[in-house]
N, C-alpha and C. Protein backbone atom coordinates (compact mmCIF):
# COMPACT_ATOMS: atom_id res chain seq x y z
N MET A 1 8.04 -4.05 17.80
CA MET A 1 7.81 -4.44 16.44
C MET A 1 7.37 -3.25 15.62
N ILE A 2 7.93 -3.06 14.41
CA ILE A 2 7.35 -2.08 13.55
C ILE A 2 6.25 -2.73 12.73
N ALA A 3 4.95 -2.36 13.00
CA ALA A 3 3.85 -2.85 12.32
C ALA A 3 3.57 -2.47 10.84
N PHE A 4 3.98 -1.19 10.65
CA PHE A 4 3.86 -0.63 9.25
C PHE A 4 4.71 0.53 9.22
N VAL A 5 5.02 0.95 7.86
CA VAL A 5 5.50 2.16 7.51
C VAL A 5 4.61 2.96 6.58
N SER A 6 4.63 4.33 6.76
CA SER A 6 3.80 5.04 5.83
C SER A 6 4.50 6.31 5.45
N GLY A 7 4.50 6.76 4.21
CA GLY A 7 5.20 7.88 3.83
C GLY A 7 5.46 7.92 2.27
N PRO A 8 6.03 8.92 1.77
CA PRO A 8 6.35 8.93 0.29
C PRO A 8 7.44 7.89 -0.01
N VAL A 9 7.44 7.37 -1.20
CA VAL A 9 8.40 6.41 -1.71
C VAL A 9 9.55 7.27 -2.27
N ALA A 10 10.81 7.00 -1.67
CA ALA A 10 11.94 7.83 -1.98
C ALA A 10 12.78 7.05 -3.07
N ALA A 11 12.69 5.75 -3.18
CA ALA A 11 13.40 4.97 -4.26
C ALA A 11 12.88 3.60 -4.39
N LEU A 12 13.06 2.94 -5.51
CA LEU A 12 12.62 1.61 -5.71
C LEU A 12 13.84 0.77 -6.40
N ALA A 13 14.02 -0.38 -6.01
CA ALA A 13 14.92 -1.28 -6.64
C ALA A 13 14.20 -2.62 -6.87
N PRO A 14 14.94 -3.62 -7.60
CA PRO A 14 14.15 -4.78 -7.80
C PRO A 14 13.69 -5.56 -6.63
N ASP A 15 14.25 -5.49 -5.45
CA ASP A 15 13.55 -5.98 -4.28
C ASP A 15 13.50 -5.21 -3.16
N THR A 16 13.59 -3.92 -3.25
CA THR A 16 13.55 -3.02 -2.12
C THR A 16 12.83 -1.70 -2.53
N ALA A 17 12.12 -1.25 -1.48
CA ALA A 17 11.52 0.20 -1.59
C ALA A 17 12.08 0.93 -0.40
N VAL A 18 12.53 2.18 -0.60
CA VAL A 18 12.78 3.08 0.44
C VAL A 18 11.68 4.06 0.64
N VAL A 19 11.12 4.01 1.98
CA VAL A 19 9.99 4.83 2.27
C VAL A 19 10.47 5.93 3.33
N GLU A 20 10.14 7.12 3.02
CA GLU A 20 10.63 8.19 3.80
C GLU A 20 9.61 8.37 5.14
N VAL A 21 10.08 8.10 6.17
CA VAL A 21 9.28 8.14 7.48
C VAL A 21 9.97 9.19 8.49
N GLY A 22 9.37 10.27 8.58
CA GLY A 22 9.89 11.27 9.56
C GLY A 22 11.24 11.78 9.27
N GLY A 23 11.46 11.95 7.96
CA GLY A 23 12.78 12.37 7.50
C GLY A 23 13.85 11.26 7.48
N VAL A 24 13.57 9.99 7.71
CA VAL A 24 14.37 8.86 7.69
C VAL A 24 14.02 7.89 6.56
N GLY A 25 14.96 7.50 5.72
CA GLY A 25 14.66 6.53 4.58
C GLY A 25 14.68 5.11 5.18
N MET A 26 13.57 4.45 5.22
CA MET A 26 13.34 3.20 5.67
C MET A 26 13.50 2.17 4.46
N ALA A 27 14.57 1.25 4.56
CA ALA A 27 14.63 0.27 3.31
C ALA A 27 13.78 -0.95 3.72
N VAL A 28 12.89 -1.17 2.85
CA VAL A 28 11.93 -2.35 2.99
C VAL A 28 12.08 -3.40 1.91
N GLN A 29 12.33 -4.64 2.37
CA GLN A 29 12.39 -5.65 1.35
C GLN A 29 10.96 -6.02 0.96
N CYS A 30 10.61 -6.23 -0.45
CA CYS A 30 9.26 -6.39 -0.86
C CYS A 30 9.28 -7.41 -1.98
N THR A 31 8.15 -8.02 -2.10
CA THR A 31 7.94 -8.81 -3.24
C THR A 31 7.77 -8.05 -4.53
N PRO A 32 8.03 -8.58 -5.78
CA PRO A 32 7.84 -7.83 -7.02
C PRO A 32 6.40 -7.28 -7.17
N GLY A 33 5.48 -8.10 -6.78
CA GLY A 33 4.06 -7.77 -6.90
C GLY A 33 3.75 -6.45 -5.99
N THR A 34 4.28 -6.34 -4.76
CA THR A 34 4.17 -5.29 -3.94
C THR A 34 4.83 -4.03 -4.50
N LEU A 35 6.08 -4.23 -4.99
CA LEU A 35 6.88 -3.17 -5.59
C LEU A 35 6.00 -2.50 -6.80
N ALA A 36 5.36 -3.44 -7.46
CA ALA A 36 4.65 -2.90 -8.68
C ALA A 36 3.63 -1.89 -8.39
N THR A 37 3.10 -1.91 -7.13
CA THR A 37 2.07 -0.97 -6.77
C THR A 37 2.58 0.37 -6.24
N LEU A 38 3.82 0.43 -6.09
CA LEU A 38 4.46 1.72 -5.67
C LEU A 38 5.16 2.56 -6.76
N ARG A 39 5.04 3.91 -6.44
CA ARG A 39 5.64 4.82 -7.41
C ARG A 39 6.48 5.82 -6.51
N VAL A 40 7.60 6.09 -7.13
CA VAL A 40 8.59 7.04 -6.36
C VAL A 40 7.76 8.45 -6.34
N GLY A 41 7.84 9.01 -5.12
CA GLY A 41 7.28 10.22 -4.91
C GLY A 41 5.88 10.24 -4.43
N GLN A 42 5.29 9.11 -4.56
CA GLN A 42 3.78 8.83 -4.11
C GLN A 42 3.71 8.27 -2.78
N PRO A 43 2.70 8.64 -1.98
CA PRO A 43 2.58 8.03 -0.76
C PRO A 43 2.33 6.44 -0.78
N ALA A 44 2.85 5.92 0.33
CA ALA A 44 2.67 4.41 0.45
C ALA A 44 2.34 4.02 1.92
N ARG A 45 1.74 3.02 2.10
CA ARG A 45 1.63 2.35 3.48
C ARG A 45 1.86 0.69 3.23
N LEU A 46 2.95 0.36 4.03
CA LEU A 46 3.33 -1.10 3.94
C LEU A 46 3.10 -1.74 5.22
N ALA A 47 2.41 -2.75 5.34
CA ALA A 47 2.53 -3.67 6.51
C ALA A 47 3.93 -4.32 6.57
N THR A 48 4.51 -4.28 7.79
CA THR A 48 5.88 -4.83 7.78
C THR A 48 6.18 -5.81 8.91
N SER A 49 7.28 -6.60 8.71
CA SER A 49 7.60 -7.58 9.71
C SER A 49 9.13 -7.31 9.81
N LEU A 50 9.68 -7.11 11.05
CA LEU A 50 11.02 -6.97 11.28
C LEU A 50 11.78 -8.26 11.68
N VAL A 51 12.79 -8.56 11.01
CA VAL A 51 13.47 -9.83 11.08
C VAL A 51 14.76 -9.48 11.73
N VAL A 52 15.12 -10.00 12.95
CA VAL A 52 16.27 -9.64 13.63
C VAL A 52 17.25 -10.75 13.64
N ARG A 53 18.55 -10.46 13.19
CA ARG A 53 19.64 -11.38 13.17
C ARG A 53 20.73 -10.74 13.84
N GLU A 54 21.76 -11.65 14.22
CA GLU A 54 22.89 -11.08 15.06
C GLU A 54 23.64 -9.99 14.22
N GLU A 55 23.73 -10.16 12.93
CA GLU A 55 24.52 -9.15 12.15
C GLU A 55 23.60 -8.21 11.32
N SER A 56 22.21 -8.23 11.49
CA SER A 56 21.43 -7.24 10.75
C SER A 56 19.95 -7.23 11.35
N LEU A 57 19.32 -6.13 10.89
CA LEU A 57 17.92 -5.89 11.12
C LEU A 57 17.23 -5.77 9.80
N THR A 58 16.35 -6.60 9.34
CA THR A 58 15.73 -6.44 8.04
C THR A 58 14.28 -6.26 8.16
N LEU A 59 13.84 -5.21 7.42
CA LEU A 59 12.33 -4.88 7.47
C LEU A 59 11.78 -5.44 6.17
N TYR A 60 10.78 -6.32 6.22
CA TYR A 60 10.05 -6.88 5.10
C TYR A 60 8.74 -6.14 4.89
N GLY A 61 8.24 -5.86 3.77
CA GLY A 61 7.08 -5.02 3.53
C GLY A 61 6.09 -5.74 2.65
N PHE A 62 4.82 -5.42 2.92
CA PHE A 62 3.71 -6.32 2.32
C PHE A 62 2.61 -5.31 1.98
N ALA A 63 1.77 -5.69 0.95
CA ALA A 63 0.69 -4.97 0.50
C ALA A 63 -0.32 -4.79 1.49
N ASP A 64 -0.42 -5.85 2.49
CA ASP A 64 -1.52 -5.78 3.41
C ASP A 64 -1.23 -6.68 4.64
N ASP A 65 -2.06 -6.62 5.63
CA ASP A 65 -1.64 -7.51 6.86
C ASP A 65 -1.88 -8.96 6.66
N ASP A 66 -2.73 -9.39 5.63
CA ASP A 66 -2.90 -10.74 5.31
C ASP A 66 -1.53 -11.37 4.84
N GLU A 67 -0.74 -10.59 4.00
CA GLU A 67 0.46 -11.06 3.38
C GLU A 67 1.55 -11.17 4.52
N ARG A 68 1.52 -10.15 5.48
CA ARG A 68 2.46 -10.16 6.55
C ARG A 68 2.25 -11.38 7.52
N GLN A 69 1.01 -11.57 7.70
CA GLN A 69 0.71 -12.77 8.71
C GLN A 69 1.14 -14.09 7.99
N THR A 70 0.81 -14.15 6.76
CA THR A 70 1.29 -15.46 5.96
C THR A 70 2.74 -15.41 6.06
N PHE A 71 3.49 -14.49 5.74
CA PHE A 71 4.92 -14.53 5.75
C PHE A 71 5.40 -14.94 7.11
N GLU A 72 4.86 -14.55 8.13
CA GLU A 72 5.30 -14.97 9.41
C GLU A 72 4.91 -16.51 9.83
N LEU A 73 3.66 -16.84 9.37
CA LEU A 73 3.31 -18.18 9.61
C LEU A 73 4.15 -19.21 8.82
N LEU A 74 4.52 -18.82 7.58
CA LEU A 74 5.35 -19.67 6.69
C LEU A 74 6.76 -20.02 7.48
N GLN A 75 7.19 -19.04 8.18
CA GLN A 75 8.53 -19.29 8.86
C GLN A 75 8.50 -20.11 10.08
N THR A 76 7.30 -20.55 10.44
CA THR A 76 7.20 -21.43 11.58
C THR A 76 7.46 -22.87 11.16
N ALA A 77 7.79 -23.05 9.83
CA ALA A 77 8.06 -24.39 9.42
C ALA A 77 9.63 -24.45 9.34
N SER A 78 10.14 -25.65 9.73
CA SER A 78 11.60 -25.72 9.84
C SER A 78 12.23 -25.53 8.40
N GLY A 79 13.32 -24.83 8.40
CA GLY A 79 14.06 -24.63 7.14
C GLY A 79 13.52 -23.50 6.35
N VAL A 80 12.43 -22.78 6.72
CA VAL A 80 11.86 -21.69 6.02
C VAL A 80 12.23 -20.38 6.73
N GLY A 81 13.08 -19.69 5.97
CA GLY A 81 13.55 -18.45 6.49
C GLY A 81 12.78 -17.28 5.76
N PRO A 82 13.06 -15.96 6.16
CA PRO A 82 12.30 -14.94 5.47
C PRO A 82 12.51 -14.85 3.87
N ARG A 83 13.62 -15.12 3.39
CA ARG A 83 13.85 -15.08 1.95
C ARG A 83 12.99 -16.12 1.24
N LEU A 84 12.87 -17.32 1.69
CA LEU A 84 12.04 -18.23 1.18
C LEU A 84 10.62 -17.97 1.25
N ALA A 85 10.13 -17.57 2.55
CA ALA A 85 8.83 -17.19 2.67
C ALA A 85 8.38 -16.10 1.77
N GLN A 86 9.32 -15.01 1.55
CA GLN A 86 9.06 -13.98 0.65
C GLN A 86 8.88 -14.49 -0.79
N ALA A 87 9.82 -15.43 -1.21
CA ALA A 87 9.77 -16.04 -2.59
C ALA A 87 8.42 -16.67 -2.70
N MET A 88 7.80 -17.34 -1.72
CA MET A 88 6.53 -18.03 -1.83
C MET A 88 5.51 -17.05 -2.04
N LEU A 89 5.54 -15.81 -1.40
CA LEU A 89 4.42 -14.78 -1.60
C LEU A 89 4.75 -14.14 -2.88
N ALA A 90 5.83 -14.17 -3.57
CA ALA A 90 6.09 -13.65 -4.78
C ALA A 90 5.39 -14.39 -5.94
N VAL A 91 5.31 -15.65 -5.69
CA VAL A 91 4.82 -16.54 -6.67
C VAL A 91 3.27 -16.69 -6.39
N HIS A 92 2.78 -16.84 -5.23
CA HIS A 92 1.43 -17.13 -5.02
C HIS A 92 0.90 -15.95 -3.91
N SER A 93 -0.36 -15.68 -4.01
CA SER A 93 -1.01 -14.91 -3.02
C SER A 93 -1.39 -15.69 -1.85
N PRO A 94 -1.45 -14.94 -0.60
CA PRO A 94 -1.78 -15.64 0.52
C PRO A 94 -2.91 -16.65 0.44
N ASP A 95 -3.99 -16.29 -0.41
CA ASP A 95 -5.12 -17.36 -0.40
C ASP A 95 -4.74 -18.53 -1.27
N ALA A 96 -3.79 -18.30 -2.32
CA ALA A 96 -3.43 -19.27 -3.18
C ALA A 96 -2.50 -20.29 -2.33
N LEU A 97 -1.73 -19.74 -1.44
CA LEU A 97 -0.96 -20.66 -0.62
C LEU A 97 -1.83 -21.44 0.34
N ARG A 98 -2.99 -20.80 0.93
CA ARG A 98 -3.82 -21.45 1.72
C ARG A 98 -4.50 -22.63 1.12
N ARG A 99 -4.82 -22.39 -0.13
CA ARG A 99 -5.49 -23.33 -0.94
C ARG A 99 -4.48 -24.53 -1.21
N ALA A 100 -3.26 -24.21 -1.60
CA ALA A 100 -2.31 -25.18 -1.96
C ALA A 100 -2.05 -26.17 -0.76
N PHE A 101 -1.93 -25.58 0.48
CA PHE A 101 -1.78 -26.39 1.67
C PHE A 101 -2.94 -27.16 2.09
N ALA A 102 -4.03 -26.49 1.83
CA ALA A 102 -5.35 -27.23 2.22
C ALA A 102 -5.57 -28.36 1.32
N THR A 103 -5.18 -28.40 0.06
CA THR A 103 -5.41 -29.38 -1.02
C THR A 103 -4.20 -30.34 -1.20
N GLY A 104 -3.03 -29.95 -0.47
CA GLY A 104 -1.92 -30.85 -0.85
C GLY A 104 -1.33 -30.66 -2.22
N ASP A 105 -1.36 -29.47 -2.65
CA ASP A 105 -0.88 -29.16 -4.03
C ASP A 105 0.61 -29.02 -4.14
N GLU A 106 1.29 -30.16 -4.30
CA GLU A 106 2.79 -30.21 -4.25
C GLU A 106 3.31 -29.28 -5.40
N LYS A 107 2.67 -29.38 -6.61
CA LYS A 107 3.12 -28.68 -7.85
C LYS A 107 3.19 -27.17 -7.61
N ALA A 108 2.06 -26.73 -6.97
CA ALA A 108 2.16 -25.18 -6.65
C ALA A 108 3.38 -24.81 -5.88
N LEU A 109 3.72 -25.65 -4.85
CA LEU A 109 4.91 -25.26 -4.04
C LEU A 109 6.25 -25.38 -4.85
N THR A 110 6.43 -26.51 -5.68
CA THR A 110 7.60 -26.57 -6.42
C THR A 110 7.83 -25.44 -7.44
N ALA A 111 6.69 -24.71 -7.80
CA ALA A 111 6.83 -23.56 -8.82
C ALA A 111 7.61 -22.45 -8.02
N VAL A 112 7.88 -22.47 -6.77
CA VAL A 112 8.58 -21.47 -6.03
C VAL A 112 10.13 -21.80 -6.14
N PRO A 113 10.85 -20.83 -6.64
CA PRO A 113 12.38 -21.11 -6.73
C PRO A 113 12.93 -21.37 -5.31
N GLY A 114 13.70 -22.51 -5.30
CA GLY A 114 14.35 -23.08 -4.03
C GLY A 114 13.47 -24.08 -3.30
N ILE A 115 12.27 -24.47 -3.95
CA ILE A 115 11.53 -25.57 -3.31
C ILE A 115 11.52 -26.68 -4.22
N GLY A 116 12.05 -27.86 -3.82
CA GLY A 116 11.99 -29.11 -4.70
C GLY A 116 10.92 -30.08 -4.22
N LYS A 117 10.85 -31.14 -4.78
CA LYS A 117 9.78 -32.06 -4.50
C LYS A 117 9.71 -32.43 -3.11
N LYS A 118 10.86 -32.89 -2.49
CA LYS A 118 10.98 -33.35 -1.16
C LYS A 118 10.64 -32.07 -0.13
N GLY A 119 11.18 -30.94 -0.55
CA GLY A 119 10.87 -29.86 0.25
C GLY A 119 9.46 -29.42 0.41
N ALA A 120 8.85 -29.60 -0.87
CA ALA A 120 7.34 -29.45 -0.90
C ALA A 120 6.54 -30.45 -0.01
N GLN A 121 6.91 -31.65 -0.13
CA GLN A 121 6.20 -32.67 0.65
C GLN A 121 6.41 -32.32 2.20
N LYS A 122 7.57 -31.92 2.55
CA LYS A 122 7.83 -31.69 4.09
C LYS A 122 6.99 -30.33 4.46
N LEU A 123 6.92 -29.36 3.64
CA LEU A 123 6.17 -28.18 3.95
C LEU A 123 4.78 -28.54 3.98
N LEU A 124 4.24 -29.34 3.19
CA LEU A 124 2.75 -29.65 3.16
C LEU A 124 2.43 -30.38 4.46
N LEU A 125 3.32 -31.22 5.02
CA LEU A 125 3.07 -31.87 6.31
C LEU A 125 3.13 -30.82 7.43
N GLU A 126 4.12 -29.97 7.37
CA GLU A 126 4.28 -29.14 8.57
C GLU A 126 3.30 -27.89 8.56
N LEU A 127 2.82 -27.44 7.37
CA LEU A 127 2.05 -26.23 7.48
C LEU A 127 0.62 -26.44 7.12
N LYS A 128 0.21 -27.68 6.84
CA LYS A 128 -1.26 -27.99 6.40
C LYS A 128 -2.24 -27.36 7.25
N ASP A 129 -2.11 -27.29 8.47
CA ASP A 129 -3.14 -26.73 9.46
C ASP A 129 -2.84 -25.38 9.95
N ARG A 130 -1.79 -24.82 9.51
CA ARG A 130 -1.30 -23.52 10.14
C ARG A 130 -1.86 -22.28 9.46
N LEU A 131 -2.02 -22.25 8.23
CA LEU A 131 -2.31 -21.13 7.44
C LEU A 131 -3.86 -20.90 7.41
N GLY A 132 -4.70 -21.74 7.74
CA GLY A 132 -6.12 -21.68 7.87
C GLY A 132 -6.74 -21.93 6.46
N GLU A 133 -8.02 -21.78 6.35
CA GLU A 133 -8.76 -22.10 5.12
C GLU A 133 -8.72 -21.00 4.21
N PRO A 134 -8.75 -21.35 2.87
CA PRO A 134 -8.72 -20.32 1.80
C PRO A 134 -10.02 -19.47 2.01
N VAL A 135 -9.98 -18.19 1.67
CA VAL A 135 -11.21 -17.32 1.76
C VAL A 135 -11.86 -17.16 0.46
N GLY A 136 -11.21 -17.43 -0.60
CA GLY A 136 -11.76 -17.54 -2.05
C GLY A 136 -11.82 -16.07 -2.60
N SER A 137 -11.25 -15.18 -2.08
CA SER A 137 -11.18 -13.84 -2.74
C SER A 137 -9.75 -13.34 -3.15
N ALA A 138 -9.64 -12.43 -3.97
CA ALA A 138 -8.37 -11.94 -4.29
C ALA A 138 -7.69 -11.08 -3.15
N PRO A 139 -6.35 -11.06 -3.14
CA PRO A 139 -5.80 -10.20 -2.00
C PRO A 139 -6.15 -8.81 -2.13
N ALA A 140 -6.14 -8.19 -1.06
CA ALA A 140 -6.55 -6.73 -1.04
C ALA A 140 -5.84 -5.88 -1.91
N GLY A 141 -4.51 -6.16 -2.12
CA GLY A 141 -3.59 -5.21 -2.97
C GLY A 141 -3.68 -5.57 -4.50
N ALA A 142 -4.42 -6.62 -4.86
CA ALA A 142 -4.36 -7.06 -6.23
C ALA A 142 -4.98 -6.01 -7.12
N ALA A 143 -6.08 -5.36 -6.86
CA ALA A 143 -6.88 -4.41 -7.59
C ALA A 143 -5.94 -3.10 -7.90
N ALA A 144 -5.01 -2.77 -6.92
CA ALA A 144 -4.25 -1.71 -7.20
C ALA A 144 -2.83 -2.05 -7.72
N SER A 145 -2.62 -3.25 -8.19
CA SER A 145 -1.39 -3.72 -8.69
C SER A 145 -1.24 -3.50 -10.13
N SER A 146 -1.44 -2.30 -10.56
CA SER A 146 -1.35 -1.88 -11.95
C SER A 146 0.05 -1.29 -12.30
N ALA A 147 0.54 -1.51 -13.36
CA ALA A 147 1.86 -1.18 -13.71
C ALA A 147 1.87 0.17 -14.60
N ALA A 148 2.89 0.91 -14.45
CA ALA A 148 2.92 2.12 -15.27
C ALA A 148 3.53 1.59 -16.61
N PRO A 149 3.53 2.43 -17.54
CA PRO A 149 4.13 2.13 -18.98
C PRO A 149 5.54 1.53 -18.63
N GLY A 150 5.95 0.48 -19.42
CA GLY A 150 7.24 -0.20 -19.12
C GLY A 150 7.08 -1.31 -18.27
N TRP A 151 5.90 -2.11 -18.21
CA TRP A 151 5.71 -3.25 -17.37
C TRP A 151 6.80 -4.32 -17.72
N GLN A 152 7.22 -4.30 -18.95
CA GLN A 152 8.24 -5.27 -19.39
C GLN A 152 9.46 -5.15 -18.44
N ASP A 153 9.92 -3.93 -18.43
CA ASP A 153 11.17 -3.70 -17.58
C ASP A 153 10.97 -4.01 -16.23
N GLN A 154 9.73 -3.64 -15.52
CA GLN A 154 9.43 -3.91 -14.13
C GLN A 154 9.50 -5.48 -13.98
N LEU A 155 8.82 -6.33 -14.89
CA LEU A 155 8.70 -7.70 -14.83
C LEU A 155 10.09 -8.45 -14.96
N HIS A 156 10.93 -7.96 -15.91
CA HIS A 156 12.22 -8.49 -16.16
C HIS A 156 13.07 -8.22 -14.89
N ALA A 157 12.96 -7.05 -14.30
CA ALA A 157 13.72 -6.78 -13.08
C ALA A 157 13.17 -7.61 -11.86
N ALA A 158 11.99 -7.89 -11.82
CA ALA A 158 11.47 -8.63 -10.75
C ALA A 158 12.04 -10.12 -10.75
N LEU A 159 11.94 -10.74 -12.10
CA LEU A 159 12.43 -12.01 -12.29
C LEU A 159 13.90 -12.18 -12.02
N VAL A 160 14.75 -11.12 -12.39
CA VAL A 160 16.22 -11.16 -12.11
C VAL A 160 16.36 -11.06 -10.72
N GLY A 161 15.58 -10.34 -9.97
CA GLY A 161 15.67 -10.15 -8.59
C GLY A 161 15.34 -11.43 -7.76
N LEU A 162 14.59 -12.38 -8.43
CA LEU A 162 14.35 -13.60 -7.83
C LEU A 162 15.26 -14.68 -8.18
N GLY A 163 16.37 -14.31 -8.94
CA GLY A 163 17.45 -15.24 -9.13
C GLY A 163 17.59 -15.82 -10.52
N TYR A 164 16.61 -15.44 -11.47
CA TYR A 164 16.63 -16.03 -12.72
C TYR A 164 17.59 -15.15 -13.70
N ALA A 165 18.23 -15.97 -14.65
CA ALA A 165 19.10 -15.30 -15.54
C ALA A 165 18.39 -14.39 -16.37
N SER A 166 19.08 -13.31 -16.88
CA SER A 166 18.54 -12.25 -17.65
C SER A 166 17.86 -12.79 -18.82
N ARG A 167 18.54 -13.77 -19.57
CA ARG A 167 18.00 -14.29 -20.79
C ARG A 167 16.65 -15.08 -20.46
N ASP A 168 16.74 -15.80 -19.45
CA ASP A 168 15.43 -16.59 -19.13
C ASP A 168 14.32 -15.61 -18.80
N ALA A 169 14.68 -14.55 -18.04
CA ALA A 169 13.67 -13.49 -17.74
C ALA A 169 13.13 -12.86 -19.00
N GLU A 170 13.99 -12.61 -19.93
CA GLU A 170 13.53 -12.03 -21.27
C GLU A 170 12.59 -13.01 -21.98
N GLU A 171 12.76 -14.18 -21.89
CA GLU A 171 11.97 -15.15 -22.70
C GLU A 171 10.57 -15.24 -21.91
N ALA A 172 10.61 -15.19 -20.57
CA ALA A 172 9.45 -15.35 -19.76
C ALA A 172 8.57 -14.04 -20.02
N VAL A 173 9.21 -12.84 -20.10
CA VAL A 173 8.45 -11.58 -20.38
C VAL A 173 7.87 -11.66 -21.77
N ALA A 174 8.52 -12.29 -22.75
CA ALA A 174 8.08 -12.40 -24.14
C ALA A 174 6.84 -13.39 -24.12
N ALA A 175 6.86 -14.44 -23.21
CA ALA A 175 5.79 -15.39 -23.19
C ALA A 175 4.48 -14.86 -22.72
N VAL A 176 4.56 -13.97 -21.67
CA VAL A 176 3.44 -13.43 -21.23
C VAL A 176 2.83 -12.16 -21.86
N ALA A 177 3.66 -11.64 -22.93
CA ALA A 177 3.16 -10.53 -23.46
C ALA A 177 1.85 -10.54 -24.21
N PRO A 178 1.45 -11.67 -24.66
CA PRO A 178 0.02 -11.90 -25.27
C PRO A 178 -0.96 -11.57 -24.12
N GLN A 179 -0.80 -12.12 -22.98
CA GLN A 179 -1.62 -11.91 -21.93
C GLN A 179 -1.80 -10.60 -21.50
N ALA A 180 -0.57 -9.89 -21.46
CA ALA A 180 -0.65 -8.35 -20.99
C ALA A 180 -1.47 -7.53 -22.15
N GLU A 181 -1.23 -7.91 -23.42
CA GLU A 181 -1.83 -7.15 -24.38
C GLU A 181 -3.27 -7.32 -24.37
N ALA A 182 -3.79 -8.40 -24.09
CA ALA A 182 -5.14 -8.93 -23.96
C ALA A 182 -5.90 -8.34 -22.79
N ALA A 183 -5.25 -7.84 -21.78
CA ALA A 183 -5.75 -7.42 -20.51
C ALA A 183 -6.54 -6.17 -20.72
N ALA A 184 -7.67 -6.00 -20.18
CA ALA A 184 -8.48 -4.66 -20.13
C ALA A 184 -7.71 -3.71 -19.32
N GLY A 185 -7.44 -2.57 -19.96
CA GLY A 185 -6.86 -1.44 -19.16
C GLY A 185 -5.23 -1.75 -19.06
N THR A 186 -4.64 -1.36 -18.05
CA THR A 186 -3.20 -1.32 -17.71
C THR A 186 -2.94 -2.85 -17.21
N PRO A 187 -1.86 -3.48 -17.81
CA PRO A 187 -1.49 -4.86 -17.35
C PRO A 187 -1.11 -4.66 -15.78
N GLN A 188 -1.39 -5.85 -15.14
CA GLN A 188 -1.14 -5.88 -13.73
C GLN A 188 0.23 -6.85 -13.52
N VAL A 189 1.27 -6.11 -13.10
CA VAL A 189 2.44 -6.83 -12.96
C VAL A 189 2.44 -8.01 -11.98
N GLY A 190 1.84 -7.97 -10.99
CA GLY A 190 1.62 -8.98 -9.97
C GLY A 190 1.11 -10.23 -10.67
N GLN A 191 0.00 -10.08 -11.52
CA GLN A 191 -0.48 -11.27 -12.22
C GLN A 191 0.44 -11.75 -13.28
N LEU A 192 1.08 -10.98 -14.02
CA LEU A 192 2.03 -11.26 -15.07
C LEU A 192 3.21 -11.97 -14.44
N LEU A 193 3.62 -11.55 -13.26
CA LEU A 193 4.85 -12.16 -12.63
C LEU A 193 4.42 -13.61 -12.30
N ARG A 194 3.43 -13.91 -11.76
CA ARG A 194 2.87 -15.22 -11.48
C ARG A 194 2.81 -16.10 -12.85
N ALA A 195 2.28 -15.50 -13.90
CA ALA A 195 2.19 -16.27 -15.22
C ALA A 195 3.73 -16.60 -15.72
N ALA A 196 4.52 -15.56 -15.53
CA ALA A 196 5.97 -15.71 -16.07
C ALA A 196 6.64 -16.74 -15.21
N LEU A 197 6.41 -16.92 -13.91
CA LEU A 197 7.06 -17.89 -13.06
C LEU A 197 6.60 -19.40 -13.44
N GLN A 198 5.25 -19.30 -13.81
CA GLN A 198 4.65 -20.70 -14.30
C GLN A 198 5.37 -21.10 -15.52
N THR A 199 5.56 -20.21 -16.43
CA THR A 199 6.25 -20.40 -17.78
C THR A 199 7.65 -21.00 -17.43
N LEU A 200 8.47 -20.26 -16.58
CA LEU A 200 9.72 -20.75 -16.28
C LEU A 200 9.78 -22.04 -15.54
N ASN A 201 8.75 -22.36 -14.79
CA ASN A 201 8.77 -23.65 -14.00
C ASN A 201 8.47 -24.76 -15.07
N ARG A 202 7.62 -24.60 -16.01
CA ARG A 202 7.30 -25.52 -17.06
C ARG A 202 8.56 -25.81 -17.99
N ALA A 203 9.47 -24.79 -18.06
CA ALA A 203 10.57 -24.90 -18.94
C ALA A 203 11.77 -25.70 -18.35
N ARG A 204 11.65 -25.90 -17.03
CA ARG A 204 12.74 -26.62 -16.40
C ARG A 204 12.94 -28.04 -16.94
């Protein structure tokens, strides 16, 4: 198993980072919140989980070990593959997911693209005791999740990468603009992404 990758970031895409490791470019699938912490040319260290399929080997990357462990635990539920597990972590932090399962918060789960009411009820039954208790603190990568100038473009690309139409993504970016402008210092794309997803969910 590849536990982590460490090296300079060679390229970034809406759902992928390429990290140079020993002269080899490792393509790593990441959530928008994790991608927002990375900069091309800057060193990065990502906890990783390798998903093996007959036709592919896919490396998923995370801001910290807590995210990776949560990603792997989510997949112990029937019907949850790596893509859905990653989408859940794109919308909610690991601790927010633990809290949702501990309290039976169905609404929090249906905020994730691809999870409906029945799916949320099934997941709550299967995963209630598997993720552990919420620890009540922000994820380790949150403080570093600051965006460079152009947070609007990063947020728009992240939403499109999650499957939303470009027009819907533009409206969600506009909806969270006041929150970004009110933030002390540089806006945090990870937090804005979660607010934008909540806006899109309410608009359904």
